[in-house]
Amino acid sequence: MLRVCSLKEVPEDGMIRVDLKGKELLVARVRERVYVSDVWCTHEEGDLSLGLLEGDIVKCPLHGARFRLADGSVVEGPEGESPEAIPRLKTYKVQVQEGEIYIEEP
């Protein structure tokens, strides 16, 4: 397992960007759940940490593509296009232990 950050670094119902060993990650906390995914939108590489978090869905600040953080599925494509228009978002299996967030090695 790879330590990502402390749970207290991530605001409740919020998200942060973490640079980890050359990998840029999005860490989101929704109630008691923690999600970790790549930070870059698969459409045109918008920084998802600057987007809008709506439950477990993150919306890209550039063109509005929406991703479900639980599994990386595309809920809505950019600017309302079909979700099939862009690839899934890469997500990671998360464990929280003693207030620290870990993911399986990418």
N, C-alpha and C. Protein backbone atom coordinates (compact mmCIF):
# COMPACT_ATOMS: atom_id res chain seq x y z
N MET A 1 0.85 -1.19 0.00
CA MET A 1 0.00 0.00 0.00
C MET A 1 0.89 1.24 0.00
N LEU A 2 0.37 2.28 -0.61
CA LEU A 2 1.10 3.53 -0.75
C LEU A 2 0.35 4.64 -0.01
N ARG A 3 1.01 5.32 0.91
CA ARG A 3 0.37 6.41 1.65
C ARG A 3 0.16 7.60 0.72
N VAL A 4 -1.07 8.14 0.72
CA VAL A 4 -1.41 9.27 -0.13
C VAL A 4 -1.36 10.57 0.68
N CYS A 5 -2.09 10.61 1.79
CA CYS A 5 -2.13 11.79 2.64
C CYS A 5 -2.89 11.45 3.92
N SER A 6 -2.99 12.41 4.79
CA SER A 6 -3.76 12.25 6.02
C SER A 6 -5.23 12.54 5.73
N LEU A 7 -6.11 11.84 6.38
CA LEU A 7 -7.55 12.07 6.21
C LEU A 7 -7.92 13.50 6.57
N LYS A 8 -7.27 14.06 7.59
CA LYS A 8 -7.61 15.42 8.02
C LYS A 8 -7.19 16.49 7.01
N GLU A 9 -6.36 16.13 6.02
CA GLU A 9 -5.98 17.08 4.97
C GLU A 9 -7.10 17.29 3.95
N VAL A 10 -8.05 16.36 3.90
CA VAL A 10 -9.12 16.41 2.90
C VAL A 10 -10.39 16.92 3.58
N PRO A 11 -10.90 18.08 3.15
CA PRO A 11 -12.11 18.60 3.78
C PRO A 11 -13.30 17.67 3.58
N GLU A 12 -14.16 17.59 4.59
CA GLU A 12 -15.37 16.79 4.46
C GLU A 12 -16.21 17.33 3.32
N ASP A 13 -16.69 16.43 2.45
CA ASP A 13 -17.43 16.79 1.24
C ASP A 13 -16.61 17.74 0.36
N GLY A 14 -15.31 17.47 0.30
CA GLY A 14 -14.40 18.27 -0.52
C GLY A 14 -13.34 17.40 -1.16
N MET A 15 -12.41 18.04 -1.85
CA MET A 15 -11.37 17.30 -2.55
C MET A 15 -10.10 18.12 -2.62
N ILE A 16 -8.98 17.41 -2.77
CA ILE A 16 -7.68 18.05 -2.92
C ILE A 16 -6.89 17.33 -4.00
N ARG A 17 -5.85 17.98 -4.45
CA ARG A 17 -4.91 17.39 -5.40
C ARG A 17 -3.66 16.99 -4.62
N VAL A 18 -3.16 15.79 -4.90
CA VAL A 18 -1.95 15.30 -4.25
C VAL A 18 -0.98 14.84 -5.33
N ASP A 19 0.25 15.33 -5.25
CA ASP A 19 1.30 14.88 -6.16
C ASP A 19 2.10 13.81 -5.41
N LEU A 20 2.09 12.59 -5.94
CA LEU A 20 2.67 11.46 -5.24
C LEU A 20 3.60 10.69 -6.16
N LYS A 21 4.89 10.81 -5.92
CA LYS A 21 5.89 10.06 -6.69
C LYS A 21 5.68 10.25 -8.20
N GLY A 22 5.47 11.47 -8.64
CA GLY A 22 5.29 11.76 -10.05
C GLY A 22 3.89 11.50 -10.58
N LYS A 23 2.99 11.04 -9.72
CA LYS A 23 1.60 10.76 -10.11
C LYS A 23 0.72 11.83 -9.48
N GLU A 24 -0.15 12.45 -10.27
CA GLU A 24 -1.04 13.48 -9.76
C GLU A 24 -2.41 12.87 -9.51
N LEU A 25 -2.86 12.97 -8.26
CA LEU A 25 -4.09 12.31 -7.84
C LEU A 25 -5.12 13.29 -7.31
N LEU A 26 -6.38 12.90 -7.45
CA LEU A 26 -7.50 13.60 -6.84
C LEU A 26 -7.95 12.77 -5.64
N VAL A 27 -8.04 13.40 -4.49
CA VAL A 27 -8.53 12.72 -3.29
C VAL A 27 -9.80 13.44 -2.86
N ALA A 28 -10.90 12.71 -2.81
CA ALA A 28 -12.20 13.29 -2.45
C ALA A 28 -12.75 12.58 -1.23
N ARG A 29 -13.43 13.36 -0.39
CA ARG A 29 -14.04 12.80 0.82
C ARG A 29 -15.52 13.17 0.80
N VAL A 30 -16.35 12.13 0.74
CA VAL A 30 -17.79 12.32 0.68
C VAL A 30 -18.39 11.57 1.87
N ARG A 31 -18.82 12.33 2.88
CA ARG A 31 -19.26 11.74 4.15
C ARG A 31 -18.17 10.82 4.68
N GLU A 32 -18.44 9.54 4.89
CA GLU A 32 -17.43 8.64 5.44
C GLU A 32 -16.58 7.97 4.36
N ARG A 33 -16.88 8.22 3.09
CA ARG A 33 -16.17 7.56 1.99
C ARG A 33 -15.01 8.43 1.49
N VAL A 34 -13.94 7.77 1.10
CA VAL A 34 -12.80 8.46 0.50
C VAL A 34 -12.56 7.83 -0.87
N TYR A 35 -12.36 8.68 -1.87
CA TYR A 35 -12.10 8.23 -3.24
C TYR A 35 -10.78 8.80 -3.71
N VAL A 36 -10.04 8.02 -4.48
CA VAL A 36 -8.80 8.49 -5.09
C VAL A 36 -8.85 8.12 -6.57
N SER A 37 -8.54 9.11 -7.42
CA SER A 37 -8.52 8.89 -8.86
C SER A 37 -7.38 9.73 -9.45
N ASP A 38 -7.15 9.56 -10.75
CA ASP A 38 -6.25 10.47 -11.43
C ASP A 38 -6.88 11.86 -11.37
N VAL A 39 -6.06 12.89 -11.37
CA VAL A 39 -6.57 14.26 -11.24
C VAL A 39 -6.99 14.85 -12.58
N TRP A 40 -6.48 14.28 -13.69
CA TRP A 40 -6.73 14.88 -15.01
C TRP A 40 -7.96 14.28 -15.70
N CYS A 41 -8.83 15.15 -16.16
CA CYS A 41 -10.00 14.75 -16.95
C CYS A 41 -9.51 14.01 -18.19
N THR A 42 -10.21 12.96 -18.57
CA THR A 42 -9.80 12.17 -19.74
C THR A 42 -10.22 12.82 -21.06
N HIS A 43 -10.91 13.94 -21.01
CA HIS A 43 -11.32 14.64 -22.23
C HIS A 43 -10.20 15.53 -22.74
N GLU A 44 -9.88 16.59 -22.00
CA GLU A 44 -8.81 17.50 -22.42
C GLU A 44 -7.94 17.90 -21.24
N GLU A 45 -7.77 16.96 -20.30
CA GLU A 45 -6.86 17.11 -19.19
C GLU A 45 -7.11 18.34 -18.31
N GLY A 46 -8.38 18.63 -18.03
CA GLY A 46 -8.69 19.65 -17.04
C GLY A 46 -8.37 19.10 -15.65
N ASP A 47 -7.95 19.97 -14.76
CA ASP A 47 -7.61 19.58 -13.39
C ASP A 47 -8.91 19.40 -12.60
N LEU A 48 -9.28 18.15 -12.34
CA LEU A 48 -10.54 17.87 -11.67
C LEU A 48 -10.61 18.41 -10.25
N SER A 49 -9.45 18.64 -9.61
CA SER A 49 -9.46 19.18 -8.25
C SER A 49 -9.99 20.61 -8.23
N LEU A 50 -10.06 21.25 -9.40
CA LEU A 50 -10.61 22.61 -9.51
C LEU A 50 -12.08 22.57 -9.93
N GLY A 51 -12.62 21.37 -10.09
CA GLY A 51 -14.00 21.19 -10.53
C GLY A 51 -14.98 21.24 -9.38
N LEU A 52 -16.17 20.72 -9.63
CA LEU A 52 -17.25 20.74 -8.67
C LEU A 52 -17.54 19.32 -8.21
N LEU A 53 -17.62 19.12 -6.89
CA LEU A 53 -17.94 17.81 -6.33
C LEU A 53 -19.42 17.79 -5.95
N GLU A 54 -20.15 16.84 -6.53
CA GLU A 54 -21.59 16.70 -6.27
C GLU A 54 -21.82 15.27 -5.80
N GLY A 55 -21.77 15.03 -4.49
CA GLY A 55 -21.82 13.67 -3.97
C GLY A 55 -20.56 12.95 -4.41
N ASP A 56 -20.72 11.77 -5.04
CA ASP A 56 -19.53 11.05 -5.51
C ASP A 56 -19.26 11.31 -6.99
N ILE A 57 -19.78 12.42 -7.51
CA ILE A 57 -19.58 12.80 -8.91
C ILE A 57 -18.72 14.07 -8.94
N VAL A 58 -17.68 14.06 -9.78
CA VAL A 58 -16.86 15.25 -9.96
C VAL A 58 -17.09 15.78 -11.37
N LYS A 59 -17.22 17.10 -11.46
CA LYS A 59 -17.47 17.76 -12.75
C LYS A 59 -16.23 18.55 -13.15
N CYS A 60 -15.74 18.31 -14.35
CA CYS A 60 -14.55 18.98 -14.85
C CYS A 60 -14.82 20.48 -15.04
N PRO A 61 -13.86 21.33 -14.62
CA PRO A 61 -14.07 22.77 -14.76
C PRO A 61 -13.96 23.27 -16.20
N LEU A 62 -13.38 22.49 -17.11
CA LEU A 62 -13.21 22.97 -18.48
C LEU A 62 -14.46 22.84 -19.34
N HIS A 63 -14.93 21.61 -19.54
CA HIS A 63 -16.05 21.38 -20.46
C HIS A 63 -17.21 20.62 -19.83
N GLY A 64 -17.15 20.40 -18.52
CA GLY A 64 -18.30 19.85 -17.81
C GLY A 64 -18.47 18.35 -17.83
N ALA A 65 -17.47 17.59 -18.29
CA ALA A 65 -17.59 16.13 -18.20
C ALA A 65 -17.74 15.75 -16.73
N ARG A 66 -18.56 14.73 -16.47
CA ARG A 66 -18.83 14.32 -15.09
C ARG A 66 -18.47 12.84 -14.91
N PHE A 67 -17.75 12.55 -13.81
CA PHE A 67 -17.27 11.20 -13.53
C PHE A 67 -17.73 10.74 -12.16
N ARG A 68 -18.10 9.46 -12.05
CA ARG A 68 -18.44 8.85 -10.77
C ARG A 68 -17.13 8.37 -10.14
N LEU A 69 -16.79 8.92 -8.98
CA LEU A 69 -15.51 8.61 -8.34
C LEU A 69 -15.42 7.19 -7.81
N ALA A 70 -16.54 6.54 -7.56
CA ALA A 70 -16.53 5.18 -7.05
C ALA A 70 -15.91 4.20 -8.04
N ASP A 71 -16.12 4.44 -9.34
CA ASP A 71 -15.63 3.48 -10.34
C ASP A 71 -15.04 4.12 -11.60
N GLY A 72 -15.01 5.46 -11.66
CA GLY A 72 -14.44 6.15 -12.81
C GLY A 72 -15.35 6.24 -14.02
N SER A 73 -16.58 5.75 -13.90
CA SER A 73 -17.48 5.77 -15.05
C SER A 73 -17.84 7.21 -15.42
N VAL A 74 -18.10 7.41 -16.70
CA VAL A 74 -18.46 8.73 -17.21
C VAL A 74 -19.98 8.87 -17.10
N VAL A 75 -20.43 9.84 -16.33
CA VAL A 75 -21.85 10.09 -16.13
C VAL A 75 -22.38 10.96 -17.26
N GLU A 76 -21.56 11.93 -17.67
CA GLU A 76 -21.94 12.84 -18.75
C GLU A 76 -20.68 13.25 -19.49
N GLY A 77 -20.74 13.25 -20.81
CA GLY A 77 -19.59 13.65 -21.60
C GLY A 77 -19.40 15.16 -21.57
N PRO A 78 -18.33 15.66 -22.17
CA PRO A 78 -18.06 17.09 -22.19
C PRO A 78 -19.17 17.85 -22.91
N GLU A 79 -19.56 18.97 -22.30
CA GLU A 79 -20.59 19.84 -22.86
C GLU A 79 -21.84 19.07 -23.23
N GLY A 80 -22.21 18.07 -22.39
CA GLY A 80 -23.45 17.33 -22.58
C GLY A 80 -23.39 16.21 -23.60
N GLU A 81 -22.22 15.92 -24.16
CA GLU A 81 -22.09 14.84 -25.13
C GLU A 81 -22.36 13.50 -24.47
N SER A 82 -22.47 12.48 -25.28
CA SER A 82 -22.68 11.12 -24.78
C SER A 82 -21.50 10.71 -23.91
N PRO A 83 -21.77 9.98 -22.82
CA PRO A 83 -20.68 9.51 -21.95
C PRO A 83 -19.66 8.63 -22.69
N GLU A 84 -20.07 7.97 -23.75
CA GLU A 84 -19.16 7.12 -24.51
C GLU A 84 -18.11 7.93 -25.26
N ALA A 85 -18.25 9.26 -25.29
CA ALA A 85 -17.34 10.11 -26.05
C ALA A 85 -15.93 10.16 -25.45
N ILE A 86 -15.79 9.83 -24.17
CA ILE A 86 -14.47 9.91 -23.53
C ILE A 86 -14.21 8.68 -22.66
N PRO A 87 -12.92 8.39 -22.41
CA PRO A 87 -12.57 7.22 -21.58
C PRO A 87 -12.92 7.41 -20.11
N ARG A 88 -13.04 6.29 -19.42
CA ARG A 88 -13.26 6.29 -17.97
C ARG A 88 -12.10 6.96 -17.27
N LEU A 89 -12.36 7.41 -16.07
CA LEU A 89 -11.35 7.98 -15.20
C LEU A 89 -10.71 6.85 -14.40
N LYS A 90 -9.38 6.84 -14.30
CA LYS A 90 -8.70 5.80 -13.52
C LYS A 90 -8.91 6.06 -12.04
N THR A 91 -9.38 5.04 -11.34
CA THR A 91 -9.60 5.13 -9.89
C THR A 91 -8.72 4.10 -9.19
N TYR A 92 -8.55 4.26 -7.89
CA TYR A 92 -7.68 3.40 -7.10
C TYR A 92 -8.45 2.85 -5.90
N LYS A 93 -8.09 1.62 -5.49
CA LYS A 93 -8.67 1.05 -4.28
C LYS A 93 -8.06 1.76 -3.09
N VAL A 94 -8.92 2.18 -2.17
CA VAL A 94 -8.52 3.01 -1.04
C VAL A 94 -8.71 2.27 0.27
N GLN A 95 -7.78 2.49 1.18
CA GLN A 95 -7.93 2.04 2.56
C GLN A 95 -7.58 3.21 3.46
N VAL A 96 -8.37 3.39 4.51
CA VAL A 96 -8.08 4.40 5.52
C VAL A 96 -7.72 3.65 6.80
N GLN A 97 -6.51 3.91 7.30
CA GLN A 97 -6.03 3.23 8.50
C GLN A 97 -5.44 4.28 9.44
N GLU A 98 -5.96 4.33 10.65
CA GLU A 98 -5.46 5.24 11.68
C GLU A 98 -5.33 6.67 11.17
N GLY A 99 -6.35 7.13 10.44
CA GLY A 99 -6.38 8.51 9.97
C GLY A 99 -5.52 8.80 8.76
N GLU A 100 -4.97 7.77 8.12
CA GLU A 100 -4.12 7.94 6.93
C GLU A 100 -4.81 7.26 5.74
N ILE A 101 -4.67 7.87 4.56
CA ILE A 101 -5.27 7.34 3.33
C ILE A 101 -4.20 6.62 2.53
N TYR A 102 -4.50 5.39 2.12
CA TYR A 102 -3.58 4.57 1.34
C TYR A 102 -4.28 4.08 0.08
N ILE A 103 -3.49 3.86 -0.97
CA ILE A 103 -4.00 3.21 -2.18
C ILE A 103 -3.09 2.04 -2.52
N GLU A 104 -3.62 1.12 -3.34
CA GLU A 104 -2.77 0.07 -3.86
C GLU A 104 -1.79 0.71 -4.83
N GLU A 105 -0.58 0.16 -4.91
CA GLU A 105 0.45 0.71 -5.79
C GLU A 105 -0.08 0.85 -7.21
N PRO A 106 0.04 2.05 -7.81
CA PRO A 106 -0.43 2.23 -9.19
C PRO A 106 0.41 1.45 -10.19
